[in-house]
N, C-alpha and C. Protein backbone atom coordinates (compact mmCIF):
# COMPACT_ATOMS: atom_id res chain seq x y z
N MET A 1 0.85 -1.17 0.00
CA MET A 1 0.00 0.00 0.00
C MET A 1 0.90 1.23 0.00
N GLU A 2 0.45 2.24 -0.71
CA GLU A 2 1.22 3.48 -0.80
C GLU A 2 0.27 4.67 -0.68
N ALA A 3 0.55 5.58 0.24
CA ALA A 3 -0.23 6.81 0.36
C ALA A 3 0.24 7.77 -0.73
N ILE A 4 -0.71 8.29 -1.49
CA ILE A 4 -0.38 9.19 -2.60
C ILE A 4 -0.63 10.64 -2.22
N ASN A 5 -1.74 10.88 -1.56
CA ASN A 5 -2.13 12.26 -1.24
C ASN A 5 -2.99 12.25 0.02
N LYS A 6 -2.95 13.35 0.76
CA LYS A 6 -3.77 13.50 1.96
C LYS A 6 -4.29 14.93 1.98
N GLU A 7 -5.58 15.07 2.24
CA GLU A 7 -6.18 16.40 2.32
C GLU A 7 -7.31 16.41 3.33
N ARG A 8 -7.59 17.57 3.87
CA ARG A 8 -8.69 17.73 4.82
C ARG A 8 -9.84 18.44 4.10
N VAL A 9 -11.02 17.82 4.19
CA VAL A 9 -12.24 18.41 3.65
C VAL A 9 -13.19 18.54 4.82
N ALA A 10 -13.46 19.78 5.21
CA ALA A 10 -14.24 20.07 6.41
C ALA A 10 -13.53 19.40 7.59
N SER A 11 -14.18 18.49 8.28
CA SER A 11 -13.55 17.84 9.43
C SER A 11 -13.08 16.41 9.12
N VAL A 12 -13.07 16.07 7.83
CA VAL A 12 -12.70 14.72 7.41
C VAL A 12 -11.35 14.75 6.69
N VAL A 13 -10.47 13.84 7.07
CA VAL A 13 -9.19 13.70 6.38
C VAL A 13 -9.34 12.60 5.34
N LEU A 14 -9.08 12.95 4.07
CA LEU A 14 -9.16 11.99 2.97
C LEU A 14 -7.75 11.61 2.54
N VAL A 15 -7.52 10.32 2.37
CA VAL A 15 -6.22 9.82 1.94
C VAL A 15 -6.42 9.09 0.62
N GLN A 16 -5.65 9.47 -0.37
CA GLN A 16 -5.62 8.75 -1.64
C GLN A 16 -4.51 7.72 -1.53
N ALA A 17 -4.83 6.47 -1.84
CA ALA A 17 -3.84 5.41 -1.66
C ALA A 17 -3.85 4.46 -2.84
N LYS A 18 -2.70 3.84 -3.07
CA LYS A 18 -2.58 2.78 -4.07
C LYS A 18 -2.58 1.47 -3.28
N VAL A 19 -3.57 0.62 -3.56
CA VAL A 19 -3.77 -0.60 -2.80
C VAL A 19 -3.89 -1.77 -3.78
N SER A 20 -3.28 -2.89 -3.45
CA SER A 20 -3.38 -4.05 -4.33
C SER A 20 -4.76 -4.69 -4.22
N GLU A 21 -5.12 -5.44 -5.23
CA GLU A 21 -6.40 -6.15 -5.23
C GLU A 21 -6.46 -7.15 -4.07
N ASP A 22 -5.34 -7.80 -3.79
CA ASP A 22 -5.31 -8.73 -2.66
C ASP A 22 -5.54 -8.02 -1.33
N GLU A 23 -4.97 -6.83 -1.17
CA GLU A 23 -5.19 -6.07 0.06
C GLU A 23 -6.66 -5.71 0.20
N LEU A 24 -7.29 -5.29 -0.89
CA LEU A 24 -8.72 -4.97 -0.83
C LEU A 24 -9.53 -6.19 -0.41
N ALA A 25 -9.17 -7.36 -0.94
CA ALA A 25 -9.90 -8.58 -0.59
C ALA A 25 -9.74 -8.91 0.89
N VAL A 26 -8.55 -8.67 1.45
CA VAL A 26 -8.34 -8.93 2.88
C VAL A 26 -9.17 -7.96 3.72
N TYR A 27 -9.20 -6.68 3.34
CA TYR A 27 -10.00 -5.70 4.09
C TYR A 27 -11.48 -6.06 4.03
N GLU A 28 -11.95 -6.48 2.85
CA GLU A 28 -13.35 -6.88 2.72
C GLU A 28 -13.65 -8.09 3.59
N ALA A 29 -12.75 -9.06 3.61
CA ALA A 29 -12.95 -10.26 4.43
C ALA A 29 -12.94 -9.91 5.92
N ALA A 30 -12.07 -8.99 6.32
CA ALA A 30 -12.01 -8.59 7.73
C ALA A 30 -13.30 -7.91 8.15
N LEU A 31 -13.82 -7.03 7.31
CA LEU A 31 -15.08 -6.36 7.66
C LEU A 31 -16.24 -7.36 7.69
N SER A 32 -16.25 -8.32 6.77
CA SER A 32 -17.28 -9.35 6.78
C SER A 32 -17.20 -10.18 8.06
N TYR A 33 -15.99 -10.51 8.48
CA TYR A 33 -15.80 -11.27 9.71
C TYR A 33 -16.33 -10.49 10.92
N VAL A 34 -16.01 -9.21 10.97
CA VAL A 34 -16.49 -8.37 12.06
C VAL A 34 -18.01 -8.37 12.10
N LEU A 35 -18.65 -8.20 10.95
CA LEU A 35 -20.11 -8.15 10.89
C LEU A 35 -20.73 -9.49 11.27
N ASP A 36 -20.07 -10.58 10.92
CA ASP A 36 -20.60 -11.91 11.25
C ASP A 36 -20.35 -12.31 12.71
N SER A 37 -19.33 -11.72 13.33
CA SER A 37 -18.87 -12.18 14.64
C SER A 37 -19.29 -11.31 15.82
N LEU A 38 -19.51 -10.03 15.59
CA LEU A 38 -19.77 -9.10 16.69
C LEU A 38 -21.17 -8.54 16.62
N ASP A 39 -21.74 -8.25 17.78
CA ASP A 39 -23.05 -7.61 17.79
C ASP A 39 -22.87 -6.09 17.67
N GLU A 40 -24.00 -5.41 17.56
CA GLU A 40 -24.00 -3.97 17.30
C GLU A 40 -23.23 -3.18 18.35
N SER A 41 -23.43 -3.50 19.62
CA SER A 41 -22.76 -2.74 20.69
C SER A 41 -21.25 -3.00 20.69
N GLU A 42 -20.84 -4.22 20.39
CA GLU A 42 -19.41 -4.55 20.35
C GLU A 42 -18.73 -3.86 19.17
N ILE A 43 -19.41 -3.79 18.03
CA ILE A 43 -18.86 -3.08 16.88
C ILE A 43 -18.69 -1.60 17.21
N ALA A 44 -19.70 -1.02 17.82
CA ALA A 44 -19.61 0.40 18.20
C ALA A 44 -18.49 0.65 19.20
N ARG A 45 -18.34 -0.24 20.16
CA ARG A 45 -17.30 -0.08 21.18
C ARG A 45 -15.91 -0.22 20.58
N ARG A 46 -15.71 -1.22 19.76
CA ARG A 46 -14.38 -1.50 19.22
C ARG A 46 -13.98 -0.57 18.07
N PHE A 47 -14.94 -0.18 17.24
CA PHE A 47 -14.62 0.56 16.02
C PHE A 47 -15.15 1.99 16.00
N GLY A 48 -16.05 2.32 16.92
CA GLY A 48 -16.63 3.65 16.91
C GLY A 48 -17.48 3.89 15.68
N ALA A 49 -18.06 2.83 15.16
CA ALA A 49 -18.88 2.92 13.95
C ALA A 49 -20.11 2.04 14.13
N SER A 50 -21.14 2.35 13.36
CA SER A 50 -22.36 1.54 13.40
C SER A 50 -22.24 0.37 12.43
N ILE A 51 -23.15 -0.58 12.57
CA ILE A 51 -23.20 -1.70 11.63
C ILE A 51 -23.40 -1.17 10.21
N ASP A 52 -24.28 -0.19 10.05
CA ASP A 52 -24.55 0.37 8.72
C ASP A 52 -23.28 0.97 8.10
N GLU A 53 -22.47 1.64 8.92
CA GLU A 53 -21.23 2.22 8.40
C GLU A 53 -20.25 1.13 7.96
N ILE A 54 -20.10 0.09 8.78
CA ILE A 54 -19.20 -1.01 8.45
C ILE A 54 -19.72 -1.75 7.20
N GLU A 55 -21.02 -1.99 7.13
CA GLU A 55 -21.59 -2.63 5.95
C GLU A 55 -21.36 -1.79 4.69
N GLY A 56 -21.49 -0.49 4.83
CA GLY A 56 -21.26 0.41 3.69
C GLY A 56 -19.82 0.33 3.20
N MET A 57 -18.87 0.31 4.13
CA MET A 57 -17.46 0.18 3.76
C MET A 57 -17.20 -1.15 3.06
N ARG A 58 -17.75 -2.23 3.63
CA ARG A 58 -17.58 -3.56 3.04
C ARG A 58 -18.19 -3.62 1.64
N ASP A 59 -19.38 -3.05 1.50
CA ASP A 59 -20.04 -3.06 0.20
C ASP A 59 -19.27 -2.24 -0.83
N ASP A 60 -18.69 -1.12 -0.41
CA ASP A 60 -17.85 -0.33 -1.32
C ASP A 60 -16.65 -1.14 -1.79
N LEU A 61 -16.01 -1.86 -0.87
CA LEU A 61 -14.87 -2.70 -1.24
C LEU A 61 -15.30 -3.78 -2.22
N ARG A 62 -16.43 -4.42 -1.96
CA ARG A 62 -16.93 -5.46 -2.87
C ARG A 62 -17.17 -4.90 -4.27
N GLU A 63 -17.75 -3.71 -4.33
CA GLU A 63 -18.04 -3.10 -5.63
C GLU A 63 -16.74 -2.78 -6.38
N ILE A 64 -15.76 -2.24 -5.68
CA ILE A 64 -14.47 -1.94 -6.31
C ILE A 64 -13.82 -3.22 -6.83
N ILE A 65 -13.83 -4.27 -6.02
CA ILE A 65 -13.23 -5.54 -6.42
C ILE A 65 -13.96 -6.11 -7.64
N THR A 66 -15.27 -6.03 -7.63
CA THR A 66 -16.07 -6.57 -8.74
C THR A 66 -15.87 -5.78 -10.02
N LEU A 67 -15.89 -4.46 -9.93
CA LEU A 67 -15.80 -3.62 -11.12
C LEU A 67 -14.38 -3.47 -11.66
N HIS A 68 -13.40 -3.45 -10.78
CA HIS A 68 -12.04 -3.13 -11.20
C HIS A 68 -11.05 -4.26 -10.98
N GLY A 69 -11.48 -5.34 -10.39
CA GLY A 69 -10.57 -6.45 -10.12
C GLY A 69 -10.16 -7.16 -11.39
N GLU A 70 -9.00 -7.76 -11.36
CA GLU A 70 -8.47 -8.48 -12.52
C GLU A 70 -9.42 -9.59 -12.96
N THR A 71 -10.01 -10.28 -11.99
CA THR A 71 -10.90 -11.38 -12.33
C THR A 71 -12.18 -10.90 -13.00
N ALA A 72 -12.55 -9.64 -12.81
CA ALA A 72 -13.75 -9.11 -13.44
C ALA A 72 -13.55 -8.95 -14.95
N HIS A 73 -12.30 -8.89 -15.41
CA HIS A 73 -12.03 -8.65 -16.82
C HIS A 73 -11.58 -9.90 -17.57
N LYS A 74 -11.48 -11.03 -16.88
CA LYS A 74 -11.07 -12.26 -17.55
C LYS A 74 -12.27 -12.91 -18.21
N PRO A 75 -12.14 -13.30 -19.48
CA PRO A 75 -13.27 -13.99 -20.12
C PRO A 75 -13.45 -15.39 -19.53
N GLU A 76 -14.67 -15.85 -19.53
CA GLU A 76 -14.97 -17.18 -19.03
C GLU A 76 -14.42 -18.21 -20.02
N PRO A 77 -13.88 -19.30 -19.50
CA PRO A 77 -13.40 -20.35 -20.41
C PRO A 77 -14.56 -21.00 -21.16
N ILE A 78 -14.30 -21.41 -22.36
CA ILE A 78 -15.33 -22.07 -23.17
C ILE A 78 -15.25 -23.56 -22.89
N VAL A 79 -16.37 -24.12 -22.46
CA VAL A 79 -16.43 -25.54 -22.14
C VAL A 79 -17.07 -26.26 -23.32
N LYS A 80 -16.39 -27.28 -23.82
CA LYS A 80 -16.92 -28.03 -24.97
C LYS A 80 -17.41 -29.37 -24.54
C-alpha cells in the first residue's frame, strides 16, 4: 500500500492510496468477519462505527473488487 495524497475536507481527512487487489480482498474479508462475529454494541465499542457504516465500507470494497478487479475482466473459459 502506498499513500499518494492527503487532504482535509471540512472535518474529514481523505487519503488517496494505491492498494493491491489482494489487500482490498483482505480488508473486505475482515469487515465481513467483524459483521458476522460481533453484535452492534461490540462493533460500536471496538470501532466507533455503526453496523450500517461497516456494511457500507464492506459493500464499497466489494463493488471496487467486482468492477475493477483483474478477475472481473477475464473472459470465461469455453467448455466443450
